[in-house]
Protein backbone atom coordinates (compact mmCIF):
# COMPACT_ATOMS: atom_id res chain seq x y z
CA UNK A 1 -10.68 -6.05 26.45
CA UNK A 2 -11.05 -1.72 25.89
CA UNK A 3 -7.62 -2.11 23.60
CA UNK A 4 -9.40 -4.81 21.29
CA UNK A 5 -12.36 -2.14 20.59
CA UNK A 6 -9.62 0.00 19.27
CA UNK A 7 -7.90 -2.18 16.93
CA UNK A 8 -10.93 -3.01 15.78
CA UNK A 9 -11.93 0.78 15.01
CA UNK A 10 -12.24 1.13 10.73
CA UNK A 11 -14.30 2.94 8.36
CA UNK A 12 -17.57 0.97 7.58
CA UNK A 13 -17.74 2.84 3.98
CA UNK A 14 -15.15 2.11 1.04
CA UNK A 15 -13.94 6.12 0.28
CA UNK A 16 -10.97 4.89 -0.95
CA UNK A 17 -12.26 2.56 -4.56
CA UNK A 18 -10.62 1.29 -7.20
CA UNK A 19 -8.80 3.10 -9.67
CA UNK A 20 -9.69 1.75 -12.55
CA UNK A 21 -6.74 1.96 -15.31
CA UNK A 22 -4.08 2.76 -13.14
CA UNK A 23 -1.35 0.98 -14.82
CA UNK A 24 -1.99 3.16 -17.69
CA UNK A 25 -3.32 6.48 -16.03
CA UNK A 26 -0.70 6.17 -12.55
CA UNK A 27 3.34 6.50 -12.56
CA UNK A 28 5.08 3.08 -11.45
CA UNK A 29 7.17 4.89 -9.01
CA UNK A 30 8.90 1.91 -7.33
CA UNK A 31 9.75 -1.92 -7.30
CA UNK A 32 10.24 -3.13 -3.58
CA UNK A 33 11.69 -6.59 -3.52
CA UNK A 34 11.19 -8.01 0.51
CA UNK A 35 14.05 -11.02 0.81
CA UNK A 36 11.89 -12.48 3.72
CA UNK A 37 8.99 -13.26 2.14
CA UNK A 38 9.98 -13.77 -1.65
CA UNK A 39 7.09 -11.43 -2.81
CA UNK A 40 7.70 -7.77 -4.90
CA UNK A 41 5.52 -4.88 -4.27
CA UNK A 42 5.30 -2.93 -7.28
CA UNK A 43 4.23 0.73 -6.11
CA UNK A 44 1.92 3.16 -8.64
CA UNK A 45 0.52 6.76 -7.97
CA UNK A 46 -1.34 8.93 -9.39
CA UNK A 47 -0.47 12.28 -10.41
CA UNK A 48 -0.54 14.05 -6.66
CA UNK A 49 0.79 11.08 -4.84
CA UNK A 50 4.16 10.98 -7.85
CA UNK A 51 5.06 14.73 -6.84
CA UNK A 52 6.74 13.27 -4.03
CA UNK A 53 10.13 12.22 -5.06
CA UNK A 54 11.64 8.63 -3.94
CA UNK A 55 13.25 8.92 -0.43
CA UNK A 56 10.66 11.90 0.92
CA UNK A 57 8.28 10.99 3.19
CA UNK A 58 5.81 13.66 2.52
CA UNK A 59 3.78 14.93 4.06
CA UNK A 60 2.09 13.99 0.78
CA UNK A 61 -0.53 16.53 -0.92
CA UNK A 62 -4.52 15.05 -0.36
CA UNK A 63 -5.79 13.48 -3.58
CA UNK A 64 -2.66 11.48 -3.67
CA UNK A 65 -3.72 7.69 -4.57
CA UNK A 66 -1.06 4.99 -3.98
CA UNK A 67 -1.40 1.51 -5.08
CA UNK A 68 0.83 -1.48 -3.97
CA UNK A 69 0.46 -4.55 -5.99
CA UNK A 70 1.81 -7.46 -4.02
CA UNK A 71 3.37 -10.47 -6.32
CA UNK A 72 4.37 -13.75 -5.91
CA UNK A 73 8.04 -14.34 -7.64
CA UNK A 74 9.45 -16.88 -9.75
CA UNK A 75 11.74 -19.37 -8.05
CA UNK A 76 14.66 -21.94 -9.14
CA UNK A 77 14.53 -25.32 -8.15
CA UNK A 78 16.64 -24.77 -4.94
CA UNK A 79 13.74 -22.35 -4.14
CA UNK A 80 15.86 -18.98 -4.72
CA UNK A 81 14.27 -16.24 -6.72
CA UNK A 82 14.95 -15.64 -9.54
CA UNK A 83 15.81 -11.96 -11.10
CA UNK A 84 14.76 -10.22 -14.22
CA UNK A 85 16.63 -8.29 -16.37
CA UNK A 86 16.10 -5.61 -14.31
CA UNK A 87 17.60 -7.08 -11.25
CA UNK A 88 14.34 -7.02 -8.98
CA UNK A 89 12.64 -10.52 -8.55
CA UNK A 90 10.98 -12.08 -11.60
CA UNK A 91 7.48 -11.30 -10.86
CA UNK A 92 4.54 -14.59 -11.37
CA UNK A 93 1.08 -13.72 -9.58
CA UNK A 94 -0.46 -10.88 -8.73
CA UNK A 95 -2.12 -11.78 -5.42
CA UNK A 96 -3.92 -9.00 -4.17
CA UNK A 97 -3.66 -4.35 -4.80
CA UNK A 98 -3.87 -2.26 -1.76
CA UNK A 99 -5.05 1.33 -1.97
CA UNK A 100 -4.44 4.23 -0.07
CA UNK A 101 -5.82 7.16 -0.56
CA UNK A 102 -5.45 10.37 1.20
CA UNK A 103 -8.41 13.31 1.78
CA UNK A 104 -9.17 15.70 3.95
CA UNK A 105 -10.90 14.01 6.97
CA UNK A 106 -9.81 10.75 6.22
CA UNK A 107 -8.56 8.07 8.93
CA UNK A 108 -10.52 9.57 11.53
CA UNK A 109 -12.55 5.88 12.21
CA UNK A 110 -8.95 4.76 13.15
CA UNK A 111 -9.39 6.60 16.25
CA UNK A 112 -5.66 6.38 18.37
CA UNK A 113 -4.11 4.21 15.42
CA UNK A 114 -4.61 6.98 12.87
CA UNK A 115 -1.79 7.48 10.48
CA UNK A 116 -2.74 11.01 8.76
CA UNK A 117 -5.77 11.52 6.82
CA UNK A 118 -5.51 8.15 4.87
CA UNK A 119 -7.85 5.38 4.10
CA UNK A 120 -7.13 2.17 3.43
CA UNK A 121 -8.40 -1.14 1.23
CA UNK A 122 -6.91 -4.25 -0.75
CA UNK A 123 -8.45 -5.51 -3.60
CA UNK A 124 -8.73 -8.93 -5.29
CA UNK A 125 -6.34 -9.47 -8.69
CA UNK A 126 -8.63 -8.31 -10.75
CA UNK A 127 -10.17 -5.60 -9.41
CA UNK A 128 -13.58 -6.90 -8.14
CA UNK A 129 -14.34 -7.73 -4.63
CA UNK A 130 -12.37 -6.99 -1.63
CA UNK A 131 -9.03 -9.06 0.04
CA UNK A 132 -9.27 -6.02 2.42
CA UNK A 133 -13.19 -4.25 3.35
CA UNK A 134 -12.93 -0.96 5.06
CA UNK A 135 -14.30 -2.45 8.01
CA UNK A 136 -10.93 -4.78 8.28
CA UNK A 137 -8.49 -2.05 7.29
CA UNK A 138 -7.37 -1.40 10.91
CA UNK A 139 -4.01 -3.27 10.63
CA UNK A 140 -3.17 -1.11 7.72
CA UNK A 141 -3.78 2.35 9.82
CA UNK A 142 -1.89 0.20 12.67
CA UNK A 143 1.05 -0.47 10.59
CA UNK A 144 1.50 3.01 8.91
CA UNK A 145 0.84 4.73 12.48
CA UNK A 146 4.33 3.05 13.84
CA UNK A 147 6.04 4.84 11.37
CA UNK A 148 4.33 8.10 10.49
CA UNK A 149 4.88 11.33 12.16
CA UNK A 150 2.90 15.01 11.99
CA UNK A 151 5.31 15.66 8.76
CA UNK A 152 6.10 12.65 7.23
CA UNK A 153 3.72 9.68 5.83
CA UNK A 154 4.96 6.55 6.16
CA UNK A 155 3.97 4.41 2.77
CA UNK A 156 7.01 2.39 1.75
CA UNK A 157 8.68 -0.22 3.18
CA UNK A 158 12.82 -0.83 4.11
CA UNK A 159 12.66 -3.49 1.61
CA UNK A 160 12.90 -0.79 -1.02
CA UNK A 161 15.77 -1.37 -3.95
CA UNK A 162 16.12 1.47 -6.45
């Protein structure tokens, strides 16, 4: 039972926030197509987050904010994903907006599942309301914790296409 309590450790307040106008003020740094779920992640980063080049894993500077938009994709009559003119899956509907932020002292509430000084939340497509509030963000930290090291922040998955 003690392991379950560790799993549930998470921040109780939102220190991440929803970055309004991120599509206009952040840089789109990556599009990742996921063959296993037939979804696409569109990744944005603020200036600090974008300073880490593709292929590098950090460490990211404090103040980095990364956004992962999760999209469903257009499928043809056979259920195959339709590709856009850039060769990525053609986007259909925005499902959620995951936001992660790195600041000094962040992440301590995750306990031994901490993935560096990051905290996580997920918002509804309109940015109003949570899909994953801070108090339920332990699985986010756990996943990032599995692949992070002291000198490497884990932020992008194995499904990347450049």
